[in-house]
Amino acid sequence: MEGFKQNFENYLKDKNEDKEFEDKRYYLNSETQEDILQKQEEKEMLIDQMHVLLRKIDNNESISFSEYAKTVEVQNGNLTRIVKGNLTQEITKGDIIVAGMNGFDLKLDPSVDRITQKQFVLQETKRRIKDLYNKQLTLAETENQNARIGDGAIEAYKAIDERSDLGSYESEQHGVLAEQMVESFMTKLIADNPHLPFTIEMADVYDDVRTKMDFKIHIKKEFTRGVAVDAGVQFTLNTDAAEYKAEQIQKSKEYMANLDSKPVDDLVLVTMSISEIEESLNEWKNQGKKKSIGGPADHWSEETQKLVFTKMLEKLPASLNINTEELWESTQNGSEKLQKAA
């Protein structure tokens, strides 16, 4: 069957001014559709802004998404963030890539290499567009007048939407904080170690609620005999709920099996216990103006960093021949080593 998301995305791409969302399982009134399409215009404005910033890079100009951004420039061969006055902070390319998700606005000086500048623009644009897309999905689901009475997913959408209005790491839920830290940690690690054979991103709100997916891991096709592989990850800190979560995974797999277009090739459960969530968050916040751009995960011990890295990958299909131990060691022996923040 054709899934809701496929119908919804076709609706968003339709340039007809008189378009209406058509899906027999959903009825959206004109006001809701107007709100959704307003957010679509905001997404298009972000695309326009992206093109402006890319042209500035080609013209050797500084770039930023905000007038209040802190400058990043190359000093003595190192990427350096100007915090205030003579207060500076050495950073990595990975820090630049995850800055937005951790609540930092950066202004990149032309001394920063163009590849990094362009990756920063693309990553930040993608992140902001995804935030708007999640709002669109939430509107469609919570305002659906054909929704089943008692559909628990509606409340899940509302709770996620409320959290999305909070600042970075402002949630009081350990699970939510852990997901944010894992996303930042893995994204930064991949940016600083481009030889790694995968990328990772947080799932959108629909996949989170309906298919119980928290992350998507994309294995690059050059490492899979020319065929890209996408794996969905359900992430939990609750080691006592493994059996229940496994049942959820099975139901999600059965649901996806009936879709014409599957969001991922496989769905796996990752269970781990991270004891340093609150401690690392407090350490990070207590840094004040010198807070690391990489977020609270910069304060994880090497043991926790390795645990997260290996756990996120260990359930991937054995046919991929991914040796997590070797991959981890390759990140430690490279030019950008992970170290617990001082």
C-alpha atoms as a PDB file:
ATOM      1  CA  MET A   1       0.000   0.000   0.000  1.00  0.00           C
ATOM      2  CA  GLU A   2       1.029   3.599  -0.416  1.00  0.00           C
ATOM      3  CA  GLY A   3       1.896   5.097   2.936  1.00  0.00           C
ATOM      4  CA  PHE A   4       0.766   8.383   4.448  1.00  0.00           C
ATOM      5  CA  LYS A   5       4.229   9.923   4.189  1.00  0.00           C
ATOM      6  CA  GLN A   6       4.466   9.246   0.471  1.00  0.00           C
ATOM      7  CA  ASN A   7       1.059  10.857  -0.129  1.00  0.00           C
ATOM      8  CA  PHE A   8       1.961  13.753   2.140  1.00  0.00           C
ATOM      9  CA  GLU A   9       5.280  14.445   0.434  1.00  0.00           C
ATOM     10  CA  ASN A  10       3.622  14.339  -2.997  1.00  0.00           C
ATOM     11  CA  TYR A  11       1.132  16.898  -1.679  1.00  0.00           C
ATOM     12  CA  LEU A  12       3.912  19.191  -0.443  1.00  0.00           C
ATOM     13  CA  LYS A  13       5.747  18.996  -3.789  1.00  0.00           C
ATOM     14  CA  ASP A  14       2.625  19.772  -5.837  1.00  0.00           C
ATOM     15  CA  LYS A  15       2.900  23.311  -7.265  1.00  0.00           C
ATOM     16  CA  ASN A  16      -0.843  23.595  -8.014  1.00  0.00           C
ATOM     17  CA  GLU A  17      -2.253  26.489  -5.986  1.00  0.00           C
ATOM     18  CA  ASP A  18      -5.614  24.715  -5.592  1.00  0.00           C
ATOM     19  CA  LYS A  19      -4.130  21.453  -4.333  1.00  0.00           C
ATOM     20  CA  GLU A  20      -5.713  19.530  -1.478  1.00  0.00           C
ATOM     21  CA  PHE A  21      -4.312  16.687   0.559  1.00  0.00           C
ATOM     22  CA  GLU A  22      -5.896  13.409  -0.534  1.00  0.00           C
ATOM     23  CA  ASP A  23      -5.702  10.322   1.647  1.00  0.00           C
ATOM     24  CA  LYS A  24      -8.854   8.470   2.669  1.00  0.00           C
ATOM     25  CA  ARG A  25      -7.415   7.909   6.160  1.00  0.00           C
ATOM     26  CA  TYR A  26      -6.972  11.650   6.688  1.00  0.00           C
ATOM     27  CA  TYR A  27      -9.185  14.708   6.510  1.00  0.00           C
ATOM     28  CA  LEU A  28      -7.488  18.073   7.004  1.00  0.00           C
ATOM     29  CA  ASN A  29      -9.590  21.211   7.001  1.00  0.00           C
ATOM     30  CA  SER A  30      -8.577  24.261   4.965  1.00  0.00           C
ATOM     31  CA  GLU A  31      -7.070  26.075   7.963  1.00  0.00           C
ATOM     32  CA  THR A  32      -4.769  23.163   8.789  1.00  0.00           C
ATOM     33  CA  GLN A  33      -3.700  22.831   5.166  1.00  0.00           C
ATOM     34  CA  GLU A  34      -2.980  26.564   5.066  1.00  0.00           C
ATOM     35  CA  ASP A  35      -0.735  26.237   8.136  1.00  0.00           C
ATOM     36  CA  ILE A  36       1.078  23.297   6.559  1.00  0.00           C
ATOM     37  CA  LEU A  37       1.646  25.148   3.294  1.00  0.00           C
ATOM     38  CA  GLN A  38       2.871  28.229   5.170  1.00  0.00           C
ATOM     39  CA  LYS A  39       5.613  26.079   6.637  1.00  0.00           C
ATOM     40  CA  GLN A  40       6.361  24.817   3.142  1.00  0.00           C
ATOM     41  CA  GLU A  41       7.001  28.408   2.080  1.00  0.00           C
ATOM     42  CA  GLU A  42       9.346  28.803   5.062  1.00  0.00           C
ATOM     43  CA  LYS A  43      11.252  25.727   3.879  1.00  0.00           C
ATOM     44  CA  GLU A  44      11.587  27.252   0.412  1.00  0.00           C
ATOM     45  CA  MET A  45      12.921  30.457   1.996  1.00  0.00           C
ATOM     46  CA  LEU A  46      15.590  28.373   3.738  1.00  0.00           C
ATOM     47  CA  ILE A  47      16.586  26.909   0.370  1.00  0.00           C
ATOM     48  CA  ASP A  48      16.902  30.440  -1.036  1.00  0.00           C
ATOM     49  CA  GLN A  49      19.028  31.453   1.958  1.00  0.00           C
ATOM     50  CA  MET A  50      21.223  28.405   1.413  1.00  0.00           C
ATOM     51  CA  HIS A  51      21.931  29.450  -2.184  1.00  0.00           C
ATOM     52  CA  VAL A  52      22.801  32.980  -1.027  1.00  0.00           C
ATOM     53  CA  LEU A  53      25.275  31.609   1.525  1.00  0.00           C
ATOM     54  CA  LEU A  54      26.846  29.241  -1.001  1.00  0.00           C
ATOM     55  CA  ARG A  55      27.412  32.172  -3.364  1.00  0.00           C
ATOM     56  CA  LYS A  56      29.043  34.114  -0.521  1.00  0.00           C
ATOM     57  CA  ILE A  57      31.448  31.234   0.006  1.00  0.00           C
ATOM     58  CA  ASP A  58      32.374  31.315  -3.675  1.00  0.00           C
ATOM     59  CA  ASN A  59      32.885  35.091  -3.360  1.00  0.00           C
ATOM     60  CA  ASN A  60      35.220  34.617  -0.377  1.00  0.00           C
ATOM     61  CA  GLU A  61      32.845  36.283   2.104  1.00  0.00           C
ATOM     62  CA  SER A  62      32.016  35.369   5.698  1.00  0.00           C
ATOM     63  CA  ILE A  63      28.831  33.346   6.199  1.00  0.00           C
ATOM     64  CA  SER A  64      26.356  32.937   9.057  1.00  0.00           C
ATOM     65  CA  PHE A  65      22.677  32.182   9.709  1.00  0.00           C
ATOM     66  CA  SER A  66      22.439  34.828  12.442  1.00  0.00           C
ATOM     67  CA  GLU A  67      23.751  38.335  13.057  1.00  0.00           C
ATOM     68  CA  TYR A  68      24.614  37.277  16.626  1.00  0.00           C
ATOM     69  CA  ALA A  69      26.878  34.411  15.553  1.00  0.00           C
ATOM     70  CA  LYS A  70      30.365  33.931  17.000  1.00  0.00           C
ATOM     71  CA  THR A  71      33.221  34.028  14.498  1.00  0.00           C
ATOM     72  CA  VAL A  72      35.227  30.936  13.585  1.00  0.00           C
ATOM     73  CA  GLU A  73      38.538  31.482  11.803  1.00  0.00           C
ATOM     74  CA  VAL A  74      41.827  29.680  11.264  1.00  0.00           C
ATOM     75  CA  GLN A  75      44.560  30.736  13.704  1.00  0.00           C
ATOM     76  CA  ASN A  76      47.997  29.115  13.547  1.00  0.00           C
ATOM     77  CA  GLY A  77      46.532  26.367  11.407  1.00  0.00           C
ATOM     78  CA  ASN A  78      43.727  25.543  13.857  1.00  0.00           C
ATOM     79  CA  LEU A  79      39.986  26.162  13.641  1.00  0.00           C
ATOM     80  CA  THR A  80      39.314  28.707  16.384  1.00  0.00           C
ATOM     81  CA  ARG A  81      36.081  30.117  17.766  1.00  0.00           C
ATOM     82  CA  ILE A  82      36.238  33.685  19.048  1.00  0.00           C
ATOM     83  CA  VAL A  83      34.143  33.473  22.213  1.00  0.00           C
ATOM     84  CA  LYS A  84      34.592  37.045  23.466  1.00  0.00           C
ATOM     85  CA  GLY A  85      37.505  39.439  23.229  1.00  0.00           C
ATOM     86  CA  ASN A  86      40.709  37.449  23.709  1.00  0.00           C
ATOM     87  CA  LEU A  87      38.793  34.363  24.880  1.00  0.00           C
ATOM     88  CA  THR A  88      39.092  31.730  22.149  1.00  0.00           C
ATOM     89  CA  GLN A  89      38.353  28.044  21.778  1.00  0.00           C
ATOM     90  CA  GLU A  90      40.021  25.520  19.482  1.00  0.00           C
ATOM     91  CA  ILE A  91      37.432  23.402  17.720  1.00  0.00           C
ATOM     92  CA  THR A  92      37.171  20.713  15.044  1.00  0.00           C
ATOM     93  CA  LYS A  93      35.271  20.450  11.789  1.00  0.00           C
ATOM     94  CA  GLY A  94      32.855  18.166  13.598  1.00  0.00           C
ATOM     95  CA  ASP A  95      32.109  20.913  16.124  1.00  0.00           C
ATOM     96  CA  ILE A  96      31.124  23.226  13.262  1.00  0.00           C
ATOM     97  CA  ILE A  97      28.809  20.615  11.767  1.00  0.00           C
ATOM     98  CA  VAL A  98      26.930  19.980  15.049  1.00  0.00           C
ATOM     99  CA  ALA A  99      26.905  23.590  16.279  1.00  0.00           C
ATOM    100  CA  GLY A 100      23.285  24.256  15.317  1.00  0.00           C
ATOM    101  CA  MET A 101      21.861  21.150  16.970  1.00  0.00           C
ATOM    102  CA  ASN A 102      23.694  22.125  20.173  1.00  0.00           C
ATOM    103  CA  GLY A 103      22.355  25.679  20.194  1.00  0.00           C
ATOM    104  CA  PHE A 104      25.339  27.598  18.811  1.00  0.00           C
ATOM    105  CA  ASP A 105      25.332  30.192  16.025  1.00  0.00           C
ATOM    106  CA  LEU A 106      28.585  30.422  14.073  1.00  0.00           C
ATOM    107  CA  LYS A 107      29.983  32.873  11.562  1.00  0.00           C
ATOM    108  CA  LEU A 108      32.609  31.243   9.369  1.00  0.00           C
ATOM    109  CA  ASP A 109      35.489  33.432   8.231  1.00  0.00           C
ATOM    110  CA  PRO A 110      36.824  32.910   4.661  1.00  0.00           C
ATOM    111  CA  SER A 111      39.977  31.425   6.205  1.00  0.00           C
ATOM    112  CA  VAL A 112      37.925  28.275   6.961  1.00  0.00           C
ATOM    113  CA  ASP A 113      38.241  25.860   4.047  1.00  0.00           C
ATOM    114  CA  ARG A 114      35.393  25.975   1.545  1.00  0.00           C
ATOM    115  CA  ILE A 115      34.436  22.323   1.867  1.00  0.00           C
ATOM    116  CA  THR A 116      33.810  22.769   5.588  1.00  0.00           C
ATOM    117  CA  GLN A 117      31.902  25.994   4.978  1.00  0.00           C
ATOM    118  CA  LYS A 118      29.637  24.339   2.416  1.00  0.00           C
ATOM    119  CA  GLN A 119      29.047  21.290   4.602  1.00  0.00           C
ATOM    120  CA  PHE A 120      28.102  23.608   7.448  1.00  0.00           C
ATOM    121  CA  VAL A 121      25.574  25.447   5.262  1.00  0.00           C
ATOM    122  CA  LEU A 122      24.054  22.231   3.930  1.00  0.00           C
ATOM    123  CA  GLN A 123      23.870  20.584   7.373  1.00  0.00           C
ATOM    124  CA  GLU A 124      22.286  23.589   9.066  1.00  0.00           C
ATOM    125  CA  THR A 125      19.791  24.122   6.236  1.00  0.00           C
ATOM    126  CA  LYS A 126      18.839  20.458   6.347  1.00  0.00           C
ATOM    127  CA  ARG A 127      18.388  20.611  10.130  1.00  0.00           C
ATOM    128  CA  ARG A 128      16.107  23.649   9.954  1.00  0.00           C
ATOM    129  CA  ILE A 129      14.058  22.198   7.103  1.00  0.00           C
ATOM    130  CA  LYS A 130      13.611  18.985   9.057  1.00  0.00           C
ATOM    131  CA  ASP A 131      12.320  20.933  12.059  1.00  0.00           C
ATOM    132  CA  LEU A 132       9.658  22.501   9.817  1.00  0.00           C
ATOM    133  CA  TYR A 133       8.845  19.144   8.209  1.00  0.00           C
ATOM    134  CA  ASN A 134       8.273  17.669  11.662  1.00  0.00           C
ATOM    135  CA  LYS A 135       5.871  20.530  12.409  1.00  0.00           C
ATOM    136  CA  GLN A 136       4.018  19.790   9.167  1.00  0.00           C
ATOM    137  CA  LEU A 137       3.758  16.085   9.985  1.00  0.00           C
ATOM    138  CA  THR A 138       2.543  16.882  13.491  1.00  0.00           C
ATOM    139  CA  LEU A 139      -0.166  19.205  12.165  1.00  0.00           C
ATOM    140  CA  ALA A 140      -1.372  16.559   9.732  1.00  0.00           C
ATOM    141  CA  GLU A 141      -1.538  13.885  12.419  1.00  0.00           C
ATOM    142  CA  THR A 142      -2.973  15.884  15.315  1.00  0.00           C
ATOM    143  CA  GLU A 143      -5.539  17.776  13.191  1.00  0.00           C
ATOM    144  CA  ASN A 144      -6.697  14.735  11.237  1.00  0.00           C
ATOM    145  CA  GLN A 145     -10.479  14.670  11.639  1.00  0.00           C
ATOM    146  CA  ASN A 146     -10.603  11.040  10.522  1.00  0.00           C
ATOM    147  CA  ALA A 147      -8.319   9.924  13.345  1.00  0.00           C
ATOM    148  CA  ARG A 148      -9.490   6.957  15.394  1.00  0.00           C
ATOM    149  CA  ILE A 149     -10.886   7.882  18.790  1.00  0.00           C
ATOM    150  CA  GLY A 150      -8.328   6.973  21.420  1.00  0.00           C
ATOM    151  CA  ASP A 151      -5.393   6.881  19.005  1.00  0.00           C
ATOM    152  CA  GLY A 152      -2.490   7.102  21.461  1.00  0.00           C
ATOM    153  CA  ALA A 153      -0.180   8.320  18.724  1.00  0.00           C
ATOM    154  CA  ILE A 154      -1.858  11.732  18.804  1.00  0.00           C
ATOM    155  CA  GLU A 155      -0.702  12.388  22.356  1.00  0.00           C
ATOM    156  CA  ALA A 156       2.784  11.180  21.424  1.00  0.00           C
ATOM    157  CA  TYR A 157       2.903  13.737  18.611  1.00  0.00           C
ATOM    158  CA  LYS A 158       1.787  16.522  20.930  1.00  0.00           C
ATOM    159  CA  ALA A 159       4.428  15.622  23.526  1.00  0.00           C
ATOM    160  CA  ILE A 160       7.197  15.581  20.912  1.00  0.00           C
ATOM    161  CA  ASP A 161       5.987  18.896  19.507  1.00  0.00           C
ATOM    162  CA  GLU A 162       6.129  20.499  22.954  1.00  0.00           C
ATOM    163  CA  ARG A 163       9.693  19.233  23.419  1.00  0.00           C
ATOM    164  CA  SER A 164      10.714  20.618  20.040  1.00  0.00           C
ATOM    165  CA  ASP A 165      10.063  24.148  21.315  1.00  0.00           C
ATOM    166  CA  LEU A 166      12.600  23.689  24.121  1.00  0.00           C
ATOM    167  CA  GLY A 167      16.222  24.721  23.753  1.00  0.00           C
ATOM    168  CA  SER A 168      19.023  22.201  23.282  1.00  0.00           C
ATOM    169  CA  TYR A 169      19.214  19.752  26.206  1.00  0.00           C
ATOM    170  CA  GLU A 170      16.366  21.428  28.118  1.00  0.00           C
ATOM    171  CA  SER A 171      14.190  18.310  28.359  1.00  0.00           C
ATOM    172  CA  GLU A 172      13.884  16.634  31.763  1.00  0.00           C
ATOM    173  CA  GLN A 173      13.599  13.156  30.224  1.00  0.00           C
ATOM    174  CA  HIS A 174      16.827  11.148  30.276  1.00  0.00           C
ATOM    175  CA  GLY A 175      15.831   9.228  27.148  1.00  0.00           C
ATOM    176  CA  VAL A 176      15.340  12.411  25.144  1.00  0.00           C
ATOM    177  CA  LEU A 177      18.605  13.905  26.435  1.00  0.00           C
ATOM    178  CA  ALA A 178      20.451  10.706  25.559  1.00  0.00           C
ATOM    179  CA  GLU A 179      19.092  10.721  21.995  1.00  0.00           C
ATOM    180  CA  GLN A 180      20.224  14.329  21.510  1.00  0.00           C
ATOM    181  CA  MET A 181      23.685  13.555  22.885  1.00  0.00           C
ATOM    182  CA  VAL A 182      24.035  10.438  20.732  1.00  0.00           C
ATOM    183  CA  GLU A 183      23.032  12.324  17.588  1.00  0.00           C
ATOM    184  CA  SER A 184      25.563  15.083  18.293  1.00  0.00           C
ATOM    185  CA  PHE A 185      28.332  12.663  19.290  1.00  0.00           C
ATOM    186  CA  MET A 186      27.950  10.405  16.251  1.00  0.00           C
ATOM    187  CA  THR A 187      27.504  13.283  13.775  1.00  0.00           C
ATOM    188  CA  LYS A 188      30.618  15.046  15.073  1.00  0.00           C
ATOM    189  CA  LEU A 189      32.620  11.823  15.024  1.00  0.00           C
ATOM    190  CA  ILE A 190      31.644  11.121  11.401  1.00  0.00           C
ATOM    191  CA  ALA A 191      32.508  14.678  10.307  1.00  0.00           C
ATOM    192  CA  ASP A 192      35.936  14.424  11.939  1.00  0.00           C
ATOM    193  CA  ASN A 193      36.500  10.947  10.492  1.00  0.00           C
ATOM    194  CA  PRO A 194      35.133  10.964   6.921  1.00  0.00           C
ATOM    195  CA  HIS A 195      36.580   7.497   6.275  1.00  0.00           C
ATOM    196  CA  LEU A 196      33.791   5.977   8.386  1.00  0.00           C
ATOM    197  CA  PRO A 197      31.437   3.988   6.125  1.00  0.00           C
ATOM    198  CA  PHE A 198      28.168   5.419   7.417  1.00  0.00           C
ATOM    199  CA  THR A 199      26.173   8.529   8.260  1.00  0.00           C
ATOM    200  CA  ILE A 200      23.485   8.929  10.915  1.00  0.00           C
ATOM    201  CA  GLU A 201      20.474  11.164  11.455  1.00  0.00           C
ATOM    202  CA  MET A 202      17.556  11.439  13.839  1.00  0.00           C
ATOM    203  CA  ALA A 203      14.351   9.958  12.433  1.00  0.00           C
ATOM    204  CA  ASP A 204      11.512  12.348  11.642  1.00  0.00           C
ATOM    205  CA  VAL A 205       8.538  12.577  13.970  1.00  0.00           C
ATOM    206  CA  TYR A 206       6.341  10.252  11.878  1.00  0.00           C
ATOM    207  CA  ASP A 207       8.914   7.461  11.887  1.00  0.00           C
ATOM    208  CA  ASP A 208       9.457   8.044  15.596  1.00  0.00           C
ATOM    209  CA  VAL A 209       5.767   7.686  16.477  1.00  0.00           C
ATOM    210  CA  ARG A 210       4.485   5.245  13.870  1.00  0.00           C
ATOM    211  CA  THR A 211       7.444   2.931  13.244  1.00  0.00           C
ATOM    212  CA  LYS A 212       9.200   3.388  16.616  1.00  0.00           C
ATOM    213  CA  MET A 213      12.393   4.510  14.916  1.00  0.00           C
ATOM    214  CA  ASP A 214      14.749   6.974  16.637  1.00  0.00           C
ATOM    215  CA  PHE A 215      17.711   7.029  14.222  1.00  0.00           C
ATOM    216  CA  LYS A 216      18.536   6.136  10.643  1.00  0.00           C
ATOM    217  CA  ILE A 217      21.976   4.784   9.797  1.00  0.00           C
ATOM    218  CA  HIS A 218      22.966   5.030   6.142  1.00  0.00           C
ATOM    219  CA  ILE A 219      25.753   2.714   5.001  1.00  0.00           C
ATOM    220  CA  LYS A 220      27.540   4.299   2.039  1.00  0.00           C
ATOM    221  CA  LYS A 221      27.197   2.322  -1.166  1.00  0.00           C
ATOM    222  CA  GLU A 222      30.951   2.216  -1.789  1.00  0.00           C
ATOM    223  CA  PHE A 223      31.124  -0.104   1.227  1.00  0.00           C
ATOM    224  CA  THR A 224      28.213  -2.343   0.182  1.00  0.00           C
ATOM    225  CA  ARG A 225      29.100  -3.400  -3.376  1.00  0.00           C
ATOM    226  CA  GLY A 226      27.305  -0.452  -4.915  1.00  0.00           C
ATOM    227  CA  VAL A 227      23.998  -0.762  -3.033  1.00  0.00           C
ATOM    228  CA  ALA A 228      23.307   1.681  -0.207  1.00  0.00           C
ATOM    229  CA  VAL A 229      21.821   0.166   2.961  1.00  0.00           C
ATOM    230  CA  ASP A 230      19.626   2.056   5.429  1.00  0.00           C
ATOM    231  CA  ALA A 231      18.935   0.724   8.908  1.00  0.00           C
ATOM    232  CA  GLY A 232      16.461   2.114  11.389  1.00  0.00           C
ATOM    233  CA  VAL A 233      17.389   2.111  15.080  1.00  0.00           C
ATOM    234  CA  GLN A 234      15.047   2.082  18.040  1.00  0.00           C
ATOM    235  CA  PHE A 235      17.115   3.386  20.938  1.00  0.00           C
ATOM    236  CA  THR A 236      16.344   2.784  24.600  1.00  0.00           C
ATOM    237  CA  LEU A 237      18.065   3.228  27.955  1.00  0.00           C
ATOM    238  CA  ASN A 238      15.552   0.923  29.634  1.00  0.00           C
ATOM    239  CA  THR A 239      17.321  -2.427  29.684  1.00  0.00           C
ATOM    240  CA  ASP A 240      14.326  -3.964  31.511  1.00  0.00           C
ATOM    241  CA  ALA A 241      12.018  -3.264  28.565  1.00  0.00           C
ATOM    242  CA  ALA A 242      14.000  -5.148  25.918  1.00  0.00           C
ATOM    243  CA  GLU A 243      11.295  -7.782  25.348  1.00  0.00           C
ATOM    244  CA  TYR A 244       8.526  -5.193  24.978  1.00  0.00           C
ATOM    245  CA  LYS A 245      10.674  -3.089  22.649  1.00  0.00           C
ATOM    246  CA  ALA A 246      11.459  -6.152  20.542  1.00  0.00           C
ATOM    247  CA  GLU A 247       7.712  -6.734  20.105  1.00  0.00           C
ATOM    248  CA  GLN A 248       7.343  -3.119  18.950  1.00  0.00           C
ATOM    249  CA  ILE A 249      10.140  -3.645  16.437  1.00  0.00           C
ATOM    250  CA  GLN A 250       8.405  -6.730  15.023  1.00  0.00           C
ATOM    251  CA  LYS A 251       5.101  -4.866  14.627  1.00  0.00           C
ATOM    252  CA  SER A 252       6.902  -2.006  12.884  1.00  0.00           C
ATOM    253  CA  LYS A 253       8.576  -4.443  10.497  1.00  0.00           C
ATOM    254  CA  GLU A 254       5.196  -5.977   9.652  1.00  0.00           C
ATOM    255  CA  TYR A 255       3.757  -2.510   9.010  1.00  0.00           C
ATOM    256  CA  MET A 256       6.663  -1.482   6.764  1.00  0.00           C
ATOM    257  CA  ALA A 257       6.460  -4.749   4.816  1.00  0.00           C
ATOM    258  CA  ASN A 258       3.131  -3.582   3.374  1.00  0.00           C
ATOM    259  CA  LEU A 259       4.423  -0.195   2.201  1.00  0.00           C
ATOM    260  CA  ASP A 260       5.274   0.462  -1.447  1.00  0.00           C
ATOM    261  CA  SER A 261       8.233   2.571  -0.368  1.00  0.00           C
ATOM    262  CA  LYS A 262      10.036   1.339   2.755  1.00  0.00           C
ATOM    263  CA  PRO A 263      11.749   3.995   4.925  1.00  0.00           C
ATOM    264  CA  VAL A 264      14.645   1.619   5.785  1.00  0.00           C
ATOM    265  CA  ASP A 265      15.941  -1.810   4.792  1.00  0.00           C
ATOM    266  CA  ASP A 266      16.016  -3.108   8.356  1.00  0.00           C
ATOM    267  CA  LEU A 267      14.962  -2.051  11.849  1.00  0.00           C
ATOM    268  CA  VAL A 268      16.995  -2.962  14.921  1.00  0.00           C
ATOM    269  CA  LEU A 269      16.813  -2.415  18.666  1.00  0.00           C
ATOM    270  CA  VAL A 270      19.755  -0.815  20.458  1.00  0.00           C
ATOM    271  CA  THR A 271      19.677  -1.059  24.249  1.00  0.00           C
ATOM    272  CA  MET A 272      22.334   0.508  26.425  1.00  0.00           C
ATOM    273  CA  SER A 273      22.780   2.069  29.819  1.00  0.00           C
ATOM    274  CA  ILE A 274      24.523   5.456  29.913  1.00  0.00           C
ATOM    275  CA  SER A 275      25.342   6.521  33.453  1.00  0.00           C
ATOM    276  CA  GLU A 276      26.907   9.864  32.530  1.00  0.00           C
ATOM    277  CA  ILE A 277      23.917  11.717  31.090  1.00  0.00           C
ATOM    278  CA  GLU A 278      23.147  14.044  33.992  1.00  0.00           C
ATOM    279  CA  GLU A 279      26.777  14.405  35.016  1.00  0.00           C
ATOM    280  CA  SER A 280      27.952  15.345  31.519  1.00  0.00           C
ATOM    281  CA  LEU A 281      25.038  17.738  31.043  1.00  0.00           C
ATOM    282  CA  ASN A 282      25.846  19.573  34.287  1.00  0.00           C
ATOM    283  CA  GLU A 283      29.564  19.734  33.465  1.00  0.00           C
ATOM    284  CA  TRP A 284      28.766  21.131  30.038  1.00  0.00           C
ATOM    285  CA  LYS A 285      26.346  23.776  31.326  1.00  0.00           C
ATOM    286  CA  ASN A 286      28.784  24.812  34.059  1.00  0.00           C
ATOM    287  CA  GLN A 287      31.377  25.743  31.435  1.00  0.00           C
ATOM    288  CA  GLY A 288      29.480  28.981  30.817  1.00  0.00           C
ATOM    289  CA  LYS A 289      30.856  30.930  27.848  1.00  0.00           C
ATOM    290  CA  LYS A 290      33.469  28.237  27.257  1.00  0.00           C
ATOM    291  CA  LYS A 291      30.859  25.521  26.707  1.00  0.00           C
ATOM    292  CA  SER A 292      32.110  23.065  24.102  1.00  0.00           C
ATOM    293  CA  ILE A 293      30.270  23.288  20.782  1.00  0.00           C
ATOM    294  CA  GLY A 294      30.191  19.492  20.626  1.00  0.00           C
ATOM    295  CA  GLY A 295      27.660  19.412  23.460  1.00  0.00           C
ATOM    296  CA  PRO A 296      27.540  17.354  26.672  1.00  0.00           C
ATOM    297  CA  ALA A 297      28.857  14.233  24.922  1.00  0.00           C
ATOM    298  CA  ASP A 298      32.277  15.923  24.872  1.00  0.00           C
ATOM    299  CA  HIS A 299      32.313  15.203  28.614  1.00  0.00           C
ATOM    300  CA  TRP A 300      31.681  11.486  28.261  1.00  0.00           C
ATOM    301  CA  SER A 301      34.478   9.175  29.306  1.00  0.00           C
ATOM    302  CA  GLU A 302      36.235   7.301  26.507  1.00  0.00           C
ATOM    303  CA  GLU A 303      34.544   4.151  27.797  1.00  0.00           C
ATOM    304  CA  THR A 304      31.094   5.656  27.226  1.00  0.00           C
ATOM    305  CA  GLN A 305      32.071   7.059  23.829  1.00  0.00           C
ATOM    306  CA  LYS A 306      33.223   3.633  22.687  1.00  0.00           C
ATOM    307  CA  LEU A 307      30.106   1.967  24.144  1.00  0.00           C
ATOM    308  CA  VAL A 308      27.767   4.268  22.234  1.00  0.00           C
ATOM    309  CA  PHE A 309      29.716   3.886  18.995  1.00  0.00           C
ATOM    310  CA  THR A 310      29.818   0.095  19.103  1.00  0.00           C
ATOM    311  CA  LYS A 311      26.237  -0.353  20.345  1.00  0.00           C
ATOM    312  CA  MET A 312      24.851   1.821  17.537  1.00  0.00           C
ATOM    313  CA  LEU A 313      26.525  -0.405  14.937  1.00  0.00           C
ATOM    314  CA  GLU A 314      26.623  -3.921  16.384  1.00  0.00           C
ATOM    315  CA  LYS A 315      23.106  -4.918  15.256  1.00  0.00           C
ATOM    316  CA  LEU A 316      23.698  -4.055  11.583  1.00  0.00           C
ATOM    317  CA  PRO A 317      23.518  -7.002   9.158  1.00  0.00           C
ATOM    318  CA  ALA A 318      26.543  -9.314   9.433  1.00  0.00           C
ATOM    319  CA  SER A 319      26.763  -9.330   5.632  1.00  0.00           C
ATOM    320  CA  LEU A 320      28.098  -5.757   5.802  1.00  0.00           C
ATOM    321  CA  ASN A 321      31.249  -7.047   7.525  1.00  0.00           C
ATOM    322  CA  ILE A 322      31.505  -3.980   9.742  1.00  0.00           C
ATOM    323  CA  ASN A 323      34.147  -4.459  12.416  1.00  0.00           C
ATOM    324  CA  THR A 324      33.118  -1.962  15.074  1.00  0.00           C
ATOM    325  CA  GLU A 325      36.289  -2.454  17.117  1.00  0.00           C
ATOM    326  CA  GLU A 326      38.539  -1.655  14.154  1.00  0.00           C
ATOM    327  CA  LEU A 327      36.394   1.327  13.172  1.00  0.00           C
ATOM    328  CA  TRP A 328      36.555   2.725  16.695  1.00  0.00           C
ATOM    329  CA  GLU A 329      40.322   2.355  16.816  1.00  0.00           C
ATOM    330  CA  SER A 330      40.574   4.128  13.467  1.00  0.00           C
ATOM    331  CA  THR A 331      38.886   7.185  14.987  1.00  0.00           C
ATOM    332  CA  GLN A 332      41.311   7.155  17.899  1.00  0.00           C
ATOM    333  CA  ASN A 333      44.402   6.909  15.725  1.00  0.00           C
ATOM    334  CA  GLY A 334      43.351   9.658  13.317  1.00  0.00           C
ATOM    335  CA  SER A 335      44.250  13.331  13.395  1.00  0.00           C
ATOM    336  CA  GLU A 336      41.058  14.219  15.252  1.00  0.00           C
ATOM    337  CA  LYS A 337      41.159  12.223  18.490  1.00  0.00           C
ATOM    338  CA  LEU A 338      38.257  12.157  20.882  1.00  0.00           C
ATOM    339  CA  GLN A 339      39.148  13.310  24.354  1.00  0.00           C
ATOM    340  CA  LYS A 340      37.110  13.973  27.432  1.00  0.00           C
ATOM    341  CA  ALA A 341      36.644  17.747  27.759  1.00  0.00           C
ATOM    342  CA  ALA A 342      38.884  19.370  30.336  1.00  0.00           C
END
